[in-house]
Amino acid sequence: MGLIDTHTHLESFVRHGTLAAALDRARTAGVETMITIGTAPDDWALYANLAREHAGDGFVRHTVGLHPCSVDGEWESAVAQIEAHWGRANRPGEPRLGGDPSPCQPVALGECGLDRFHLPKDAAEAEKIFAWQRAAFEAQLAIAKRLGCPVVVHSRGAFAECVAMIDASGVDWRRVVFHCFTEGAVEMAELTRRGGYGSFTGILTYKTADNIRAAAKGQGLARFMLETDAPYLTPMPHRGKPNEPAFVRHTAEFAAQEVFGVSYETLVQISTDNARRFFGF
């Protein structure tokens, strides 16, 4: 069994003409599947095509969602296009929702959520954009509830607000993952109490990340999932270089030895089973 990188952004590799090499390195590192995460209409079709190209082995899966940092005054037009990506995948003879997704069907809605970190400094402008973010997140949660699909949440500087909005939405918390979890054990307890998940990037390997390691331990190995968020958040020992899916192995090795005290093989088995069960493939 290989690793699953549950959150990566392959658009950057396509743009730089390095995708094929990055995928080869990922295979060599023991990655069996990666999920490339939709952020705006510009990348949704690209990712659906990549997933279709790898339909034979499921090496690339994808999601569709509107990232909070992609939200602008036209957000309603973008969100209105999301649900069609599930309907488009359900062609005659292909599995429908509730079964193993067809190669061109998204495995989750997201990433969506709230982000205070990247708001403009002007208070009035920031308030306007954050209101758009809340509206776009609410609309996407409503779609996810209708579809019954997993939701990948981006939360930066807005954890309590994201939790409150998910509570109000009626979305099944067991289908919610807060990606790149950087809160502490107290916040993780809020997720696990509800049935939700946090997934962990290379930040887990940083010397200053004691709170994140405490959160991972609090959630437990039985619910642990890995991601790179490539090309960002490169784990040790490659910190300072662009991240890539192959580097999920470093986070897995660190988590096995330093966080959970288990063998690498055990951690891979459990984290991969968790990812497959959560995303439904």
C-alpha atoms as a PDB file:
ATOM      1  CA  MET A   1       0.000   0.000   0.000  1.00  0.00           C
ATOM      2  CA  GLY A   2       1.209   3.494  -0.863  1.00  0.00           C
ATOM      3  CA  LEU A   3       0.713   6.986   0.494  1.00  0.00           C
ATOM      4  CA  ILE A   4      -2.143   9.336  -0.335  1.00  0.00           C
ATOM      5  CA  ASP A   5      -1.445  13.053  -0.593  1.00  0.00           C
ATOM      6  CA  THR A   6      -4.932  14.299   0.246  1.00  0.00           C
ATOM      7  CA  HIS A   7      -4.320  17.935  -0.723  1.00  0.00           C
ATOM      8  CA  THR A   8      -2.057  19.259  -3.460  1.00  0.00           C
ATOM      9  CA  HIS A   9      -2.245  21.912  -6.192  1.00  0.00           C
ATOM     10  CA  LEU A  10      -0.994  20.539  -9.512  1.00  0.00           C
ATOM     11  CA  GLU A  11      -1.790  23.703 -11.472  1.00  0.00           C
ATOM     12  CA  SER A  12       1.569  25.188 -10.511  1.00  0.00           C
ATOM     13  CA  PHE A  13       3.413  22.182 -11.953  1.00  0.00           C
ATOM     14  CA  VAL A  14       1.398  22.365 -15.165  1.00  0.00           C
ATOM     15  CA  ARG A  15       2.176  26.068 -15.457  1.00  0.00           C
ATOM     16  CA  HIS A  16       5.909  25.474 -15.049  1.00  0.00           C
ATOM     17  CA  GLY A  17       5.997  22.450 -17.360  1.00  0.00           C
ATOM     18  CA  THR A  18       7.180  20.152 -14.550  1.00  0.00           C
ATOM     19  CA  LEU A  19       4.107  18.006 -13.940  1.00  0.00           C
ATOM     20  CA  ALA A  20       5.368  14.778 -15.539  1.00  0.00           C
ATOM     21  CA  ALA A  21       8.612  14.857 -13.555  1.00  0.00           C
ATOM     22  CA  ALA A  22       6.773  15.644 -10.315  1.00  0.00           C
ATOM     23  CA  LEU A  23       4.379  12.737 -10.845  1.00  0.00           C
ATOM     24  CA  ASP A  24       7.297  10.388 -11.548  1.00  0.00           C
ATOM     25  CA  ARG A  25       9.034  11.467  -8.334  1.00  0.00           C
ATOM     26  CA  ALA A  26       5.818  10.944  -6.405  1.00  0.00           C
ATOM     27  CA  ARG A  27       5.486   7.384  -7.681  1.00  0.00           C
ATOM     28  CA  THR A  28       9.113   6.681  -6.778  1.00  0.00           C
ATOM     29  CA  ALA A  29       8.482   8.023  -3.266  1.00  0.00           C
ATOM     30  CA  GLY A  30       5.621   5.593  -2.775  1.00  0.00           C
ATOM     31  CA  VAL A  31       2.619   7.829  -3.455  1.00  0.00           C
ATOM     32  CA  GLU A  32      -0.286   5.829  -4.848  1.00  0.00           C
ATOM     33  CA  THR A  33      -2.838   8.636  -5.138  1.00  0.00           C
ATOM     34  CA  MET A  34      -2.923  12.420  -4.882  1.00  0.00           C
ATOM     35  CA  ILE A  35      -5.943  14.694  -4.706  1.00  0.00           C
ATOM     36  CA  THR A  36      -5.493  17.955  -6.568  1.00  0.00           C
ATOM     37  CA  ILE A  37      -7.667  20.642  -5.027  1.00  0.00           C
ATOM     38  CA  GLY A  38      -9.928  23.007  -6.912  1.00  0.00           C
ATOM     39  CA  THR A  39      -9.748  26.683  -6.004  1.00  0.00           C
ATOM     40  CA  ALA A  40     -11.561  28.534  -8.825  1.00  0.00           C
ATOM     41  CA  PRO A  41     -13.193  27.864 -12.217  1.00  0.00           C
ATOM     42  CA  ASP A  42      -9.821  28.290 -13.933  1.00  0.00           C
ATOM     43  CA  ASP A  43      -8.490  25.022 -12.509  1.00  0.00           C
ATOM     44  CA  TRP A  44     -11.616  22.855 -12.319  1.00  0.00           C
ATOM     45  CA  ALA A  45     -11.539  21.661 -15.935  1.00  0.00           C
ATOM     46  CA  LEU A  46      -7.764  21.188 -15.822  1.00  0.00           C
ATOM     47  CA  TYR A  47      -8.059  18.910 -12.815  1.00  0.00           C
ATOM     48  CA  ALA A  48     -10.985  16.939 -14.239  1.00  0.00           C
ATOM     49  CA  ASN A  49      -8.897  16.263 -17.336  1.00  0.00           C
ATOM     50  CA  LEU A  50      -5.895  15.185 -15.250  1.00  0.00           C
ATOM     51  CA  ALA A  51      -8.097  12.795 -13.289  1.00  0.00           C
ATOM     52  CA  ARG A  52      -9.491  11.410 -16.545  1.00  0.00           C
ATOM     53  CA  GLU A  53      -5.983  10.895 -17.928  1.00  0.00           C
ATOM     54  CA  HIS A  54      -5.188   8.778 -14.855  1.00  0.00           C
ATOM     55  CA  ALA A  55      -8.495   6.933 -14.793  1.00  0.00           C
ATOM     56  CA  GLY A  56      -6.765   3.585 -15.175  1.00  0.00           C
ATOM     57  CA  ASP A  57      -4.871   3.694 -11.899  1.00  0.00           C
ATOM     58  CA  GLY A  58      -6.569   6.504  -9.946  1.00  0.00           C
ATOM     59  CA  PHE A  59      -3.219   8.195  -9.412  1.00  0.00           C
ATOM     60  CA  VAL A  60      -4.772  11.680  -9.664  1.00  0.00           C
ATOM     61  CA  ARG A  61      -8.168  12.522  -8.172  1.00  0.00           C
ATOM     62  CA  HIS A  62      -9.627  16.003  -7.889  1.00  0.00           C
ATOM     63  CA  THR A  63     -12.030  18.325  -6.095  1.00  0.00           C
ATOM     64  CA  VAL A  64     -14.069  21.357  -7.150  1.00  0.00           C
ATOM     65  CA  GLY A  65     -14.508  24.400  -4.926  1.00  0.00           C
ATOM     66  CA  LEU A  66     -14.063  28.146  -4.581  1.00  0.00           C
ATOM     67  CA  HIS A  67     -11.163  29.044  -2.281  1.00  0.00           C
ATOM     68  CA  PRO A  68     -11.918  32.001  -0.003  1.00  0.00           C
ATOM     69  CA  CYS A  69      -8.970  33.892  -1.496  1.00  0.00           C
ATOM     70  CA  SER A  70     -10.572  33.426  -4.937  1.00  0.00           C
ATOM     71  CA  VAL A  71     -13.841  34.985  -3.783  1.00  0.00           C
ATOM     72  CA  ASP A  72     -14.701  38.332  -5.352  1.00  0.00           C
ATOM     73  CA  GLY A  73     -17.812  40.188  -6.440  1.00  0.00           C
ATOM     74  CA  GLU A  74     -18.503  37.482  -9.052  1.00  0.00           C
ATOM     75  CA  TRP A  75     -18.492  34.620  -6.557  1.00  0.00           C
ATOM     76  CA  GLU A  76     -22.132  33.692  -7.191  1.00  0.00           C
ATOM     77  CA  SER A  77     -21.415  32.970 -10.846  1.00  0.00           C
ATOM     78  CA  ALA A  78     -18.520  30.690  -9.898  1.00  0.00           C
ATOM     79  CA  VAL A  79     -20.412  28.804  -7.191  1.00  0.00           C
ATOM     80  CA  ALA A  80     -23.351  28.300  -9.548  1.00  0.00           C
ATOM     81  CA  GLN A  81     -21.087  26.149 -11.737  1.00  0.00           C
ATOM     82  CA  ILE A  82     -19.930  23.772  -9.014  1.00  0.00           C
ATOM     83  CA  GLU A  83     -22.773  21.268  -8.805  1.00  0.00           C
ATOM     84  CA  ALA A  84     -22.696  20.614 -12.547  1.00  0.00           C
ATOM     85  CA  HIS A  85     -19.271  18.981 -12.162  1.00  0.00           C
ATOM     86  CA  TRP A  86     -20.915  16.109 -10.307  1.00  0.00           C
ATOM     87  CA  GLY A  87     -23.764  15.794 -12.798  1.00  0.00           C
ATOM     88  CA  ARG A  88     -21.324  15.932 -15.717  1.00  0.00           C
ATOM     89  CA  ALA A  89     -19.416  12.981 -14.274  1.00  0.00           C
ATOM     90  CA  ASN A  90     -22.486  10.779 -14.083  1.00  0.00           C
ATOM     91  CA  ARG A  91     -22.613   9.668 -17.695  1.00  0.00           C
ATOM     92  CA  PRO A  92     -24.410   6.499 -18.795  1.00  0.00           C
ATOM     93  CA  GLY A  93     -22.570   3.449 -17.540  1.00  0.00           C
ATOM     94  CA  GLU A  94     -20.530   5.331 -14.928  1.00  0.00           C
ATOM     95  CA  PRO A  95     -21.015   5.013 -11.155  1.00  0.00           C
ATOM     96  CA  ARG A  96     -23.184   7.631  -9.533  1.00  0.00           C
ATOM     97  CA  LEU A  97     -22.940   9.369  -6.186  1.00  0.00           C
ATOM     98  CA  GLY A  98     -22.929   6.911  -3.328  1.00  0.00           C
ATOM     99  CA  GLY A  99     -20.476   4.532  -4.998  1.00  0.00           C
ATOM    100  CA  ASP A 100     -16.852   4.718  -6.011  1.00  0.00           C
ATOM    101  CA  PRO A 101     -16.589   8.029  -7.925  1.00  0.00           C
ATOM    102  CA  SER A 102     -16.064   7.839 -11.654  1.00  0.00           C
ATOM    103  CA  PRO A 103     -12.623   9.108 -12.736  1.00  0.00           C
ATOM    104  CA  CYS A 104     -13.939  12.521 -13.766  1.00  0.00           C
ATOM    105  CA  GLN A 105     -16.207  13.008 -10.755  1.00  0.00           C
ATOM    106  CA  PRO A 106     -14.835  15.155  -7.928  1.00  0.00           C
ATOM    107  CA  VAL A 107     -14.124  13.305  -4.686  1.00  0.00           C
ATOM    108  CA  ALA A 108     -15.011  16.346  -2.559  1.00  0.00           C
ATOM    109  CA  LEU A 109     -16.246  19.908  -2.623  1.00  0.00           C
ATOM    110  CA  GLY A 110     -13.528  22.385  -1.740  1.00  0.00           C
ATOM    111  CA  GLU A 111     -11.432  23.916  -0.801  1.00  0.00           C
ATOM    112  CA  CYS A 112     -13.850  26.419   0.618  1.00  0.00           C
ATOM    113  CA  GLY A 113     -14.039  28.375   3.831  1.00  0.00           C
ATOM    114  CA  LEU A 114     -12.858  31.610   5.415  1.00  0.00           C
ATOM    115  CA  ASP A 115      -9.497  33.398   5.386  1.00  0.00           C
ATOM    116  CA  ARG A 116      -8.790  36.520   7.451  1.00  0.00           C
ATOM    117  CA  PHE A 117      -5.019  36.358   6.903  1.00  0.00           C
ATOM    118  CA  HIS A 118      -5.080  37.576   3.292  1.00  0.00           C
ATOM    119  CA  LEU A 119      -7.695  40.308   3.649  1.00  0.00           C
ATOM    120  CA  PRO A 120      -6.709  43.833   2.555  1.00  0.00           C
ATOM    121  CA  LYS A 121      -5.545  46.296   5.201  1.00  0.00           C
ATOM    122  CA  ASP A 122      -8.357  48.737   4.481  1.00  0.00           C
ATOM    123  CA  ALA A 123     -11.036  47.913   7.054  1.00  0.00           C
ATOM    124  CA  ALA A 124     -14.031  48.652   4.859  1.00  0.00           C
ATOM    125  CA  GLU A 125     -12.658  46.631   1.947  1.00  0.00           C
ATOM    126  CA  ALA A 126     -11.751  43.746   4.259  1.00  0.00           C
ATOM    127  CA  GLU A 127     -15.253  43.709   5.734  1.00  0.00           C
ATOM    128  CA  LYS A 128     -16.813  43.604   2.266  1.00  0.00           C
ATOM    129  CA  ILE A 129     -14.606  40.740   1.075  1.00  0.00           C
ATOM    130  CA  PHE A 130     -15.086  38.742   4.261  1.00  0.00           C
ATOM    131  CA  ALA A 131     -18.855  39.072   3.855  1.00  0.00           C
ATOM    132  CA  TRP A 132     -18.475  37.654   0.334  1.00  0.00           C
ATOM    133  CA  GLN A 133     -16.384  34.795   1.758  1.00  0.00           C
ATOM    134  CA  ARG A 134     -19.086  33.955   4.293  1.00  0.00           C
ATOM    135  CA  ALA A 135     -21.785  34.005   1.636  1.00  0.00           C
ATOM    136  CA  ALA A 136     -19.737  31.837  -0.737  1.00  0.00           C
ATOM    137  CA  PHE A 137     -18.928  29.364   2.029  1.00  0.00           C
ATOM    138  CA  GLU A 138     -22.574  29.147   3.073  1.00  0.00           C
ATOM    139  CA  ALA A 139     -23.605  28.499  -0.525  1.00  0.00           C
ATOM    140  CA  GLN A 140     -20.992  25.783  -0.990  1.00  0.00           C
ATOM    141  CA  LEU A 141     -21.985  24.075   2.249  1.00  0.00           C
ATOM    142  CA  ALA A 142     -25.561  23.987   0.976  1.00  0.00           C
ATOM    143  CA  ILE A 143     -24.370  22.306  -2.227  1.00  0.00           C
ATOM    144  CA  ALA A 144     -22.310  19.792  -0.259  1.00  0.00           C
ATOM    145  CA  LYS A 145     -25.330  18.940   1.863  1.00  0.00           C
ATOM    146  CA  ARG A 146     -27.418  18.290  -1.270  1.00  0.00           C
ATOM    147  CA  LEU A 147     -24.693  16.162  -2.829  1.00  0.00           C
ATOM    148  CA  GLY A 148     -23.779  14.336   0.374  1.00  0.00           C
ATOM    149  CA  CYS A 149     -20.119  14.700  -0.567  1.00  0.00           C
ATOM    150  CA  PRO A 150     -17.015  15.348   1.553  1.00  0.00           C
ATOM    151  CA  VAL A 151     -16.039  18.978   2.208  1.00  0.00           C
ATOM    152  CA  VAL A 152     -12.453  20.284   2.296  1.00  0.00           C
ATOM    153  CA  VAL A 153     -12.320  23.366   4.506  1.00  0.00           C
ATOM    154  CA  HIS A 154      -9.764  26.162   4.361  1.00  0.00           C
ATOM    155  CA  SER A 155      -9.731  28.037   7.670  1.00  0.00           C
ATOM    156  CA  ARG A 156      -7.167  30.719   8.435  1.00  0.00           C
ATOM    157  CA  GLY A 157      -7.789  33.074  11.309  1.00  0.00           C
ATOM    158  CA  ALA A 158     -11.438  32.037  11.340  1.00  0.00           C
ATOM    159  CA  PHE A 159     -11.692  28.623  13.010  1.00  0.00           C
ATOM    160  CA  ALA A 160     -14.633  29.360  15.305  1.00  0.00           C
ATOM    161  CA  GLU A 161     -16.563  31.060  12.506  1.00  0.00           C
ATOM    162  CA  CYS A 162     -16.029  28.119  10.158  1.00  0.00           C
ATOM    163  CA  VAL A 163     -17.189  25.673  12.830  1.00  0.00           C
ATOM    164  CA  ALA A 164     -20.302  27.739  13.549  1.00  0.00           C
ATOM    165  CA  MET A 165     -21.200  27.938   9.862  1.00  0.00           C
ATOM    166  CA  ILE A 166     -20.785  24.191   9.378  1.00  0.00           C
ATOM    167  CA  ASP A 167     -22.923  23.563  12.469  1.00  0.00           C
ATOM    168  CA  ALA A 168     -25.640  25.802  11.031  1.00  0.00           C
ATOM    169  CA  SER A 169     -25.453  24.217   7.563  1.00  0.00           C
ATOM    170  CA  GLY A 170     -26.544  20.749   8.575  1.00  0.00           C
ATOM    171  CA  VAL A 171     -23.623  19.175   6.702  1.00  0.00           C
ATOM    172  CA  ASP A 172     -22.613  15.797   8.129  1.00  0.00           C
ATOM    173  CA  TRP A 173     -19.505  16.547  10.189  1.00  0.00           C
ATOM    174  CA  ARG A 174     -18.170  13.068   9.477  1.00  0.00           C
ATOM    175  CA  ARG A 175     -17.625  14.294   5.899  1.00  0.00           C
ATOM    176  CA  VAL A 176     -15.704  17.459   6.861  1.00  0.00           C
ATOM    177  CA  VAL A 177     -11.925  17.870   6.924  1.00  0.00           C
ATOM    178  CA  PHE A 178     -10.080  21.021   7.936  1.00  0.00           C
ATOM    179  CA  HIS A 179      -7.043  20.837   5.690  1.00  0.00           C
ATOM    180  CA  CYS A 180      -3.609  22.050   6.812  1.00  0.00           C
ATOM    181  CA  PHE A 181      -4.669  21.939  10.434  1.00  0.00           C
ATOM    182  CA  THR A 182      -2.643  24.536  12.342  1.00  0.00           C
ATOM    183  CA  GLU A 183      -4.759  25.029  15.447  1.00  0.00           C
ATOM    184  CA  GLY A 184      -4.071  23.295  18.742  1.00  0.00           C
ATOM    185  CA  ALA A 185      -5.422  20.368  20.726  1.00  0.00           C
ATOM    186  CA  VAL A 186      -8.400  22.344  22.071  1.00  0.00           C
ATOM    187  CA  GLU A 187      -9.612  23.179  18.569  1.00  0.00           C
ATOM    188  CA  MET A 188      -8.991  19.640  17.402  1.00  0.00           C
ATOM    189  CA  ALA A 189     -11.186  18.419  20.232  1.00  0.00           C
ATOM    190  CA  GLU A 190     -13.977  20.601  18.834  1.00  0.00           C
ATOM    191  CA  LEU A 191     -13.669  18.842  15.490  1.00  0.00           C
ATOM    192  CA  THR A 192     -13.420  15.300  16.800  1.00  0.00           C
ATOM    193  CA  ARG A 193     -16.317  15.879  19.195  1.00  0.00           C
ATOM    194  CA  ARG A 194     -18.446  16.669  16.159  1.00  0.00           C
ATOM    195  CA  GLY A 195     -16.998  13.848  14.040  1.00  0.00           C
ATOM    196  CA  GLY A 196     -14.874  16.065  11.784  1.00  0.00           C
ATOM    197  CA  TYR A 197     -11.229  15.660  10.774  1.00  0.00           C
ATOM    198  CA  GLY A 198      -8.031  17.647  10.505  1.00  0.00           C
ATOM    199  CA  SER A 199      -5.316  16.750   8.005  1.00  0.00           C
ATOM    200  CA  PHE A 200      -1.652  17.596   8.391  1.00  0.00           C
ATOM    201  CA  THR A 201       1.025  19.114   6.159  1.00  0.00           C
ATOM    202  CA  GLY A 202       4.800  19.393   6.405  1.00  0.00           C
ATOM    203  CA  ILE A 203       4.324  21.994   9.144  1.00  0.00           C
ATOM    204  CA  LEU A 204       4.067  18.956  11.421  1.00  0.00           C
ATOM    205  CA  THR A 205       7.840  18.511  10.984  1.00  0.00           C
ATOM    206  CA  TYR A 206       8.810  22.075  12.011  1.00  0.00           C
ATOM    207  CA  LYS A 207      10.584  22.550  15.336  1.00  0.00           C
ATOM    208  CA  THR A 208       8.141  25.247  16.426  1.00  0.00           C
ATOM    209  CA  ALA A 209       5.019  23.183  15.712  1.00  0.00           C
ATOM    210  CA  ASP A 210       4.482  21.617  19.135  1.00  0.00           C
ATOM    211  CA  ASN A 211       0.842  22.727  19.170  1.00  0.00           C
ATOM    212  CA  ILE A 212       0.190  21.040  15.831  1.00  0.00           C
ATOM    213  CA  ARG A 213       1.837  17.816  16.959  1.00  0.00           C
ATOM    214  CA  ALA A 214      -0.343  17.953  20.077  1.00  0.00           C
ATOM    215  CA  ALA A 215      -3.400  18.333  17.837  1.00  0.00           C
ATOM    216  CA  ALA A 216      -2.359  15.327  15.743  1.00  0.00           C
ATOM    217  CA  LYS A 217      -1.906  13.232  18.867  1.00  0.00           C
ATOM    218  CA  GLY A 218      -5.230  14.453  20.186  1.00  0.00           C
ATOM    219  CA  GLN A 219      -7.015  13.377  17.036  1.00  0.00           C
ATOM    220  CA  GLY A 220      -5.170  10.073  17.087  1.00  0.00           C
ATOM    221  CA  LEU A 221      -3.592   7.842  14.483  1.00  0.00           C
ATOM    222  CA  ALA A 222      -6.931   6.164  13.817  1.00  0.00           C
ATOM    223  CA  ARG A 223      -8.151   9.418  12.194  1.00  0.00           C
ATOM    224  CA  PHE A 224      -4.856  10.749  10.798  1.00  0.00           C
ATOM    225  CA  MET A 225      -4.552  11.967   7.183  1.00  0.00           C
ATOM    226  CA  LEU A 226      -1.566  13.425   5.316  1.00  0.00           C
ATOM    227  CA  GLU A 227      -1.207  16.191   2.748  1.00  0.00           C
ATOM    228  CA  THR A 228       1.453  18.367   1.171  1.00  0.00           C
ATOM    229  CA  ASP A 229      -0.523  21.461   0.095  1.00  0.00           C
ATOM    230  CA  ALA A 230       2.185  21.602  -2.581  1.00  0.00           C
ATOM    231  CA  PRO A 231       3.792  23.787  -3.771  1.00  0.00           C
ATOM    232  CA  TYR A 232       3.552  25.308  -0.274  1.00  0.00           C
ATOM    233  CA  LEU A 233       4.578  24.221   3.262  1.00  0.00           C
ATOM    234  CA  THR A 234       7.528  22.012   2.386  1.00  0.00           C
ATOM    235  CA  PRO A 235       8.456  19.554   5.155  1.00  0.00           C
ATOM    236  CA  MET A 236      11.871  19.069   6.634  1.00  0.00           C
ATOM    237  CA  PRO A 237      14.481  18.358   5.341  1.00  0.00           C
ATOM    238  CA  HIS A 238      13.489  20.284   2.180  1.00  0.00           C
ATOM    239  CA  ARG A 239      12.049  23.359   3.857  1.00  0.00           C
ATOM    240  CA  GLY A 240      12.859  26.460   1.810  1.00  0.00           C
ATOM    241  CA  LYS A 241      12.328  24.660  -1.498  1.00  0.00           C
ATOM    242  CA  PRO A 242       9.059  24.346  -3.433  1.00  0.00           C
ATOM    243  CA  ASN A 243       6.946  21.509  -2.096  1.00  0.00           C
ATOM    244  CA  GLU A 244       5.744  18.582  -4.218  1.00  0.00           C
ATOM    245  CA  PRO A 245       3.642  15.433  -3.687  1.00  0.00           C
ATOM    246  CA  ALA A 246       6.727  13.203  -3.306  1.00  0.00           C
ATOM    247  CA  PHE A 247       7.602  15.061  -0.097  1.00  0.00           C
ATOM    248  CA  VAL A 248       4.527  13.682   1.677  1.00  0.00           C
ATOM    249  CA  ARG A 249       6.792  10.754   2.490  1.00  0.00           C
ATOM    250  CA  HIS A 250       8.921  12.951   4.776  1.00  0.00           C
ATOM    251  CA  THR A 251       5.862  14.017   6.749  1.00  0.00           C
ATOM    252  CA  ALA A 252       4.743  10.394   6.989  1.00  0.00           C
ATOM    253  CA  GLU A 253       8.133   9.247   8.248  1.00  0.00           C
ATOM    254  CA  PHE A 254       8.252  12.029  10.821  1.00  0.00           C
ATOM    255  CA  ALA A 255       4.700  11.369  11.998  1.00  0.00           C
ATOM    256  CA  ALA A 256       5.383   7.665  12.394  1.00  0.00           C
ATOM    257  CA  GLN A 257       8.542   8.088  14.443  1.00  0.00           C
ATOM    258  CA  GLU A 258       8.131  11.387  16.270  1.00  0.00           C
ATOM    259  CA  VAL A 259       4.388  11.785  16.733  1.00  0.00           C
ATOM    260  CA  PHE A 260       2.831   8.340  17.006  1.00  0.00           C
ATOM    261  CA  GLY A 261       5.776   6.024  17.727  1.00  0.00           C
ATOM    262  CA  VAL A 262       4.774   3.399  15.174  1.00  0.00           C
ATOM    263  CA  SER A 263       6.425   1.872  12.148  1.00  0.00           C
ATOM    264  CA  TYR A 264       6.333   3.704   8.844  1.00  0.00           C
ATOM    265  CA  GLU A 265       4.384   0.814   7.313  1.00  0.00           C
ATOM    266  CA  THR A 266       1.732   1.040  10.041  1.00  0.00           C
ATOM    267  CA  LEU A 267       1.283   4.752   9.569  1.00  0.00           C
ATOM    268  CA  VAL A 268       0.970   4.391   5.792  1.00  0.00           C
ATOM    269  CA  GLN A 269      -1.603   1.629   6.140  1.00  0.00           C
ATOM    270  CA  ILE A 270      -3.768   3.557   8.590  1.00  0.00           C
ATOM    271  CA  SER A 271      -3.516   7.007   6.985  1.00  0.00           C
ATOM    272  CA  THR A 272      -4.226   5.632   3.516  1.00  0.00           C
ATOM    273  CA  ASP A 273      -7.216   3.633   4.757  1.00  0.00           C
ATOM    274  CA  ASN A 274      -8.499   6.789   6.470  1.00  0.00           C
ATOM    275  CA  ALA A 275      -8.154   8.851   3.293  1.00  0.00           C
ATOM    276  CA  ARG A 276      -9.841   6.250   1.110  1.00  0.00           C
ATOM    277  CA  ARG A 277     -12.724   5.896   3.565  1.00  0.00           C
ATOM    278  CA  PHE A 278     -13.174   9.663   3.948  1.00  0.00           C
ATOM    279  CA  PHE A 279     -13.045  10.518   0.241  1.00  0.00           C
ATOM    280  CA  GLY A 280     -14.885   7.397  -0.853  1.00  0.00           C
ATOM    281  CA  PHE A 281     -12.564   5.745  -3.368  1.00  0.00           C
END
